[in-house]
Amino acid sequence: MRQFVATTCILTATMLAGGCATKKYVRNSTAPVQAKVDQVGEQAQRQGQEIQQTREQVKTVDENAQSGINAAKERAMTAENRANDAMSKANQVGDQVTTVGQKVDQTRSELESLRTTVSNLDDYKLKSETNIPFRFNKYTLDASAKEDLDKLVANVGNDKRYFIAVEGFTDKTGTPSYNEQLSRHRADAVAEYLVAKHSIPIYRIHMIGLGEQKPVDMGRGRAARAKNRRVEVRIYSADQSVAMSQPQSGQTNPPPSQNQQPNQ
C-alpha cells in the first residue's frame, strides 16, 4: 500500500513536471508566431491607414479635378458666349457698313443728279406764266382761275424737258404762321388741279407757300391786299432757247418791276 502511494506520487510529480515543461515549450514555440502576428497586424493597420489616406487624397484630387473641369467648362461657355456676342456685333457692324455704303451710293447718285440739274439750269427758260387771284381767306379755285390754268398748260405736253413753279402768297392780314399755311393751301389747290385735270406729273411741279412775303403791291388798301392774295404759276422749259414768251390772253401778270426774269 505504501509502495502504491509512493508510486502514485511519483507519477503525479512526473506529470506535473511534464505539464510545466509542455506549457513552457508552448509558450516558447508560440511567442515568435505571436510576435509575427502582431507585426503583421501593425503592418495591416498601417496599410489600412495609408489606404484611407490614399483614398482621401484621391477624393481630394477628384474634387479638385471636377472643380477644375467645371471651371474650365464655365470659362469655355463664357468664351463661347463672348465669341457669339462678338460675331453678332460684327454682323451688326457689317449690316451698318452695308447700309452706310448704300446710303453713300444713294447720296452719290443724288449728288450726281443734282449736279446734272444745276448744270442744266441755264438751259431752262421761262416759257409762260400767270397769276391766280384768291378771295380773302380762301384757297379754292373759281371758274376764272381754272380757265387761266387751262390756257397756261394747253401746249405743255409738247415739251420734253420742263417744270412748273407754283408759289402761293397772302396779304398781311393775319399772323405770319397762318398766312404761310394759307399760302401753301393755295399752291396745293393749283397743283392738284394741274395733276387731276391735265395729268401733269407731280414730279414736274415745284410748290412753295411764302405767306405774306414778296408782295406785288406795298399799299395798305383793299386793292393792294387783293393783288397780294395770289398764286404765281410759271412754266420753265429747256426745249427752246427763248426768254419769256408773250403773256397769253386772259392772264394776269404782276407789275414789270416784280416779274421774275429768265435765269434768276
Protein backbone atom coordinates (compact mmCIF):
# COMPACT_ATOMS: atom_id res chain seq x y z
CA MET A 1 0.00 0.00 0.00
CA ARG A 2 2.78 2.36 0.88
CA GLN A 3 4.52 1.32 -2.33
CA PHE A 4 1.38 2.13 -4.36
CA VAL A 5 1.05 5.53 -2.79
CA ALA A 6 4.66 6.23 -3.42
CA THR A 7 4.30 5.17 -6.99
CA THR A 8 1.27 7.37 -7.37
CA CYS A 9 3.07 10.37 -6.03
CA ILE A 10 6.00 9.75 -8.30
CA LEU A 11 3.66 9.58 -11.32
CA THR A 12 1.83 12.67 -10.23
CA ALA A 13 5.04 14.60 -9.80
CA THR A 14 6.24 13.39 -13.13
CA MET A 15 3.04 14.51 -14.81
CA LEU A 16 3.18 17.89 -13.13
CA ALA A 17 6.73 18.32 -14.15
CA GLY A 18 5.83 17.28 -17.69
CA GLY A 19 2.84 19.68 -17.77
CA CYS A 20 5.00 22.60 -16.76
CA ALA A 21 7.54 21.67 -19.36
CA THR A 22 4.81 21.47 -22.03
CA LYS A 23 3.41 24.92 -21.21
CA LYS A 24 6.87 26.42 -21.31
CA TYR A 25 7.52 24.72 -24.63
CA VAL A 26 4.23 26.01 -25.99
CA ARG A 27 4.99 29.49 -24.79
CA ASN A 28 8.46 29.36 -26.30
CA SER A 29 7.06 28.00 -29.57
CA THR A 30 4.14 30.41 -29.92
CA ALA A 31 5.97 33.59 -28.88
CA PRO A 32 7.61 34.15 -32.30
CA VAL A 33 4.36 33.39 -34.03
CA GLN A 34 2.51 35.87 -31.84
CA ALA A 35 5.20 38.48 -32.47
CA LYS A 36 4.86 37.86 -36.21
CA VAL A 37 1.10 38.08 -35.95
CA ASP A 38 1.41 41.33 -34.01
CA GLN A 39 3.86 42.63 -36.61
CA VAL A 40 1.51 41.66 -39.43
CA GLY A 41 -1.36 43.30 -37.58
CA GLU A 42 0.60 46.50 -37.18
CA GLN A 43 1.55 46.44 -40.85
CA ALA A 44 -2.06 45.77 -41.81
CA GLN A 45 -3.17 48.66 -39.63
CA ARG A 46 -0.58 50.96 -41.17
CA GLN A 47 -1.52 49.83 -44.65
CA GLY A 48 -5.18 50.42 -43.82
CA GLN A 49 -4.35 53.92 -42.65
CA GLU A 50 -2.27 54.52 -45.79
CA ILE A 51 -5.10 53.21 -47.93
CA GLN A 52 -7.54 55.52 -46.16
CA GLN A 53 -5.15 58.44 -46.64
CA THR A 54 -4.73 57.49 -50.28
CA ARG A 55 -8.50 57.36 -50.70
CA GLU A 56 -8.84 60.79 -49.12
CA GLN A 57 -6.09 62.12 -51.37
CA VAL A 58 -7.75 60.56 -54.40
CA LYS A 59 -11.07 62.07 -53.32
CA THR A 60 -9.45 65.49 -52.89
CA VAL A 61 -7.73 65.20 -56.26
CA ASP A 62 -11.00 64.10 -57.84
CA GLU A 63 -12.87 67.00 -56.26
CA ASN A 64 -10.17 69.42 -57.39
CA ALA A 65 -10.22 67.90 -60.86
CA GLN A 66 -14.01 68.11 -61.02
CA SER A 67 -13.87 71.71 -59.81
CA GLY A 68 -11.25 72.46 -62.45
CA ILE A 69 -13.35 70.77 -65.11
CA ASN A 70 -16.41 72.77 -64.10
CA ALA A 71 -14.38 75.99 -64.06
CA ALA A 72 -12.97 75.11 -67.47
CA LYS A 73 -16.49 74.44 -68.75
CA GLU A 74 -17.67 77.78 -67.39
CA ARG A 75 -14.71 79.57 -68.97
CA ALA A 76 -15.33 77.77 -72.23
CA MET A 77 -19.02 78.68 -72.11
CA THR A 78 -18.16 82.30 -71.27
CA ALA A 79 -15.67 82.38 -74.12
CA GLU A 80 -18.27 80.90 -76.47
CA ASN A 81 -20.85 83.47 -75.38
CA ARG A 82 -18.34 86.25 -75.89
CA ALA A 83 -17.46 84.84 -79.27
CA ASN A 84 -21.15 84.73 -80.20
CA ASP A 85 -21.60 88.30 -78.97
CA ALA A 86 -18.56 89.39 -80.95
CA MET A 87 -19.89 87.63 -84.04
CA SER A 88 -23.30 89.24 -83.56
CA LYS A 89 -21.72 92.67 -83.17
CA ALA A 90 -19.55 92.00 -86.20
CA ASN A 91 -22.65 91.10 -88.20
CA GLN A 92 -24.36 94.27 -86.97
CA VAL A 93 -21.34 96.31 -87.96
CA GLY A 94 -21.35 94.58 -91.32
CA ASP A 95 -25.02 95.41 -91.79
CA GLN A 96 -24.36 99.00 -90.76
CA VAL A 97 -21.44 99.20 -93.17
CA THR A 98 -23.66 97.83 -95.91
CA THR A 99 -26.38 100.35 -95.05
CA VAL A 100 -23.86 103.17 -94.95
CA GLY A 101 -22.47 102.01 -98.27
CA GLN A 102 -25.95 102.00 -99.76
CA LYS A 103 -26.61 105.48 -98.38
CA VAL A 104 -23.27 106.67 -99.75
CA ASP A 105 -24.14 105.26 -103.14
CA GLN A 106 -27.58 106.87 -102.95
CA THR A 107 -26.05 110.17 -101.89
CA ARG A 108 -23.58 109.99 -104.73
CA SER A 109 -26.38 109.28 -107.15
CA GLU A 110 -28.45 112.16 -105.78
CA LEU A 111 -25.42 114.44 -105.86
CA GLU A 112 -24.71 113.50 -109.44
CA SER A 113 -28.35 114.13 -110.32
CA LEU A 114 -28.18 117.48 -108.52
CA ARG A 115 -25.01 118.40 -110.37
CA THR A 116 -26.67 117.49 -113.63
CA THR A 117 -29.71 119.56 -112.73
CA VAL A 118 -27.59 122.51 -111.67
CA SER A 119 -25.50 122.28 -114.81
CA ASN A 120 -28.69 122.31 -116.87
CA LEU A 121 -30.34 125.19 -115.04
CA ASP A 122 -29.14 127.64 -117.62
CA ASP A 123 -30.92 125.59 -120.26
CA TYR A 124 -34.32 126.27 -118.70
CA LYS A 125 -36.03 129.46 -119.78
CA LEU A 126 -39.26 130.97 -118.60
CA LYS A 127 -41.80 129.96 -121.21
CA SER A 128 -45.08 131.35 -119.81
CA GLU A 129 -46.68 132.43 -116.55
CA THR A 130 -49.93 133.55 -114.96
CA ASN A 131 -51.25 134.80 -111.63
CA ILE A 132 -54.24 133.15 -109.97
CA PRO A 133 -56.08 135.55 -107.58
CA PHE A 134 -57.91 134.38 -104.46
CA ARG A 135 -60.58 135.88 -102.29
CA PHE A 136 -59.92 136.84 -98.70
CA ASN A 137 -59.09 133.80 -96.52
CA LYS A 138 -59.96 131.38 -99.37
CA TYR A 139 -57.91 128.80 -101.26
CA THR A 140 -60.45 127.29 -103.67
CA LEU A 141 -60.19 127.86 -107.42
CA ASP A 142 -63.04 129.64 -109.15
CA ALA A 143 -64.04 129.20 -112.80
CA SER A 144 -61.87 132.09 -113.98
CA ALA A 145 -58.77 130.67 -112.25
CA LYS A 146 -59.32 127.25 -113.81
CA GLU A 147 -59.71 128.83 -117.24
CA ASP A 148 -56.39 130.68 -116.84
CA LEU A 149 -54.65 127.46 -115.82
CA ASP A 150 -56.16 125.60 -118.78
CA LYS A 151 -54.72 128.20 -121.14
CA LEU A 152 -51.34 128.16 -119.41
CA VAL A 153 -50.71 124.42 -119.81
CA ALA A 154 -52.54 123.95 -123.11
CA ASN A 155 -49.32 123.19 -125.02
CA VAL A 156 -47.07 121.99 -122.22
CA GLY A 157 -47.43 118.38 -123.37
CA ASN A 158 -45.29 119.18 -126.40
CA ASP A 159 -42.24 119.86 -124.21
CA LYS A 160 -39.94 117.06 -123.12
CA ARG A 161 -37.95 118.98 -120.53
CA TYR A 162 -39.94 121.34 -118.38
CA PHE A 163 -41.09 122.04 -114.85
CA ILE A 164 -43.78 124.22 -113.30
CA ALA A 165 -43.09 126.53 -110.37
CA VAL A 166 -46.10 127.23 -108.13
CA GLU A 167 -45.68 129.93 -105.45
CA GLY A 168 -48.52 130.80 -103.06
CA PHE A 169 -48.92 134.19 -101.34
CA THR A 170 -51.28 136.06 -98.98
CA ASP A 171 -51.78 139.63 -97.88
CA LYS A 172 -50.54 140.85 -94.50
CA THR A 173 -53.83 140.24 -92.71
CA GLY A 174 -53.41 137.61 -90.00
CA THR A 175 -50.38 136.06 -88.31
CA PRO A 176 -47.31 135.05 -90.35
CA SER A 177 -47.71 131.35 -89.44
CA TYR A 178 -51.36 131.32 -90.52
CA ASN A 179 -50.55 133.17 -93.74
CA GLU A 180 -47.79 130.69 -94.54
CA GLN A 181 -50.20 127.78 -94.09
CA LEU A 182 -52.87 129.52 -96.20
CA SER A 183 -50.37 130.23 -98.97
CA ARG A 184 -49.42 126.52 -99.07
CA HIS A 185 -53.09 125.57 -99.35
CA ARG A 186 -53.44 127.91 -102.34
CA ALA A 187 -50.35 126.44 -104.02
CA ASP A 188 -51.65 122.91 -103.34
CA ALA A 189 -55.02 123.78 -104.92
CA VAL A 190 -53.29 124.87 -108.14
CA ALA A 191 -51.01 121.83 -108.23
CA GLU A 192 -53.90 119.46 -107.54
CA TYR A 193 -55.89 120.95 -110.40
CA LEU A 194 -52.96 120.62 -112.84
CA VAL A 195 -52.39 116.99 -111.88
CA ALA A 196 -56.07 115.96 -111.84
CA LYS A 197 -57.29 117.96 -114.82
CA HIS A 198 -54.29 117.99 -117.14
CA SER A 199 -52.33 114.89 -115.95
CA ILE A 200 -49.21 116.90 -115.22
CA PRO A 201 -46.71 114.57 -113.45
CA ILE A 202 -46.36 115.67 -109.87
CA TYR A 203 -42.55 115.50 -110.05
CA ARG A 204 -42.63 118.31 -112.60
CA ILE A 205 -44.39 120.65 -110.16
CA HIS A 206 -42.40 122.53 -107.52
CA MET A 207 -44.61 124.12 -104.84
CA ILE A 208 -43.94 126.52 -102.02
CA GLY A 209 -46.01 128.76 -99.73
CA LEU A 210 -44.39 132.09 -98.94
CA GLY A 211 -47.20 133.71 -96.96
CA GLU A 212 -47.11 137.50 -96.97
CA GLN A 213 -43.59 137.68 -98.42
CA LYS A 214 -42.77 139.29 -101.78
CA PRO A 215 -45.92 141.49 -102.03
CA VAL A 216 -46.63 142.89 -105.51
CA ASP A 217 -48.29 145.97 -104.00
CA MET A 218 -46.97 147.62 -100.85
CA GLY A 219 -50.17 149.60 -100.29
CA ARG A 220 -52.47 149.14 -97.32
CA GLY A 221 -55.79 149.43 -99.10
CA ARG A 222 -58.24 146.75 -100.21
CA ALA A 223 -57.00 146.78 -103.80
CA ALA A 224 -53.39 146.24 -102.71
CA ARG A 225 -54.36 143.34 -100.46
CA ALA A 226 -56.36 141.76 -103.29
CA LYS A 227 -53.31 141.83 -105.60
CA ASN A 228 -51.18 140.10 -102.95
CA ARG A 229 -53.64 137.23 -102.47
CA ARG A 230 -52.37 135.14 -105.38
CA VAL A 231 -50.54 132.10 -106.71
CA GLU A 232 -47.84 132.71 -109.28
CA VAL A 233 -47.53 129.88 -111.81
CA ARG A 234 -44.55 129.74 -114.18
CA ILE A 235 -43.54 127.17 -116.77
CA TYR A 236 -39.82 126.71 -117.45
CA SER A 237 -38.71 124.74 -120.48
CA ALA A 238 -35.33 123.59 -121.81
CA ASP A 239 -36.73 122.65 -125.22
CA GLN A 240 -36.34 126.11 -126.65
CA SER A 241 -33.74 128.83 -126.15
CA VAL A 242 -36.13 131.70 -125.78
CA ALA A 243 -36.57 134.04 -122.89
CA MET A 244 -40.07 134.84 -121.71
CA SER A 245 -42.86 134.43 -124.23
CA GLN A 246 -45.63 136.95 -124.60
CA PRO A 247 -48.41 136.63 -121.99
CA GLN A 248 -51.37 134.60 -123.16
CA SER A 249 -54.76 136.21 -123.36
CA GLY A 250 -56.73 136.20 -120.12
CA GLN A 251 -53.58 136.05 -117.95
CA THR A 252 -52.89 138.48 -115.15
CA ASN A 253 -49.23 139.26 -114.51
CA PRO A 254 -47.61 141.27 -111.72
CA PRO A 255 -46.10 144.69 -112.45
CA PRO A 256 -42.94 144.56 -114.58
CA SER A 257 -40.77 145.54 -111.60
CA GLN A 258 -41.83 142.37 -109.74
CA ASN A 259 -41.65 139.87 -112.60
CA GLN A 260 -39.01 137.17 -112.38
CA GLN A 261 -36.58 137.39 -115.25
CA PRO A 262 -35.10 134.36 -117.01
CA ASN A 263 -32.27 132.51 -115.26
CA GLN A 264 -32.95 134.23 -111.92
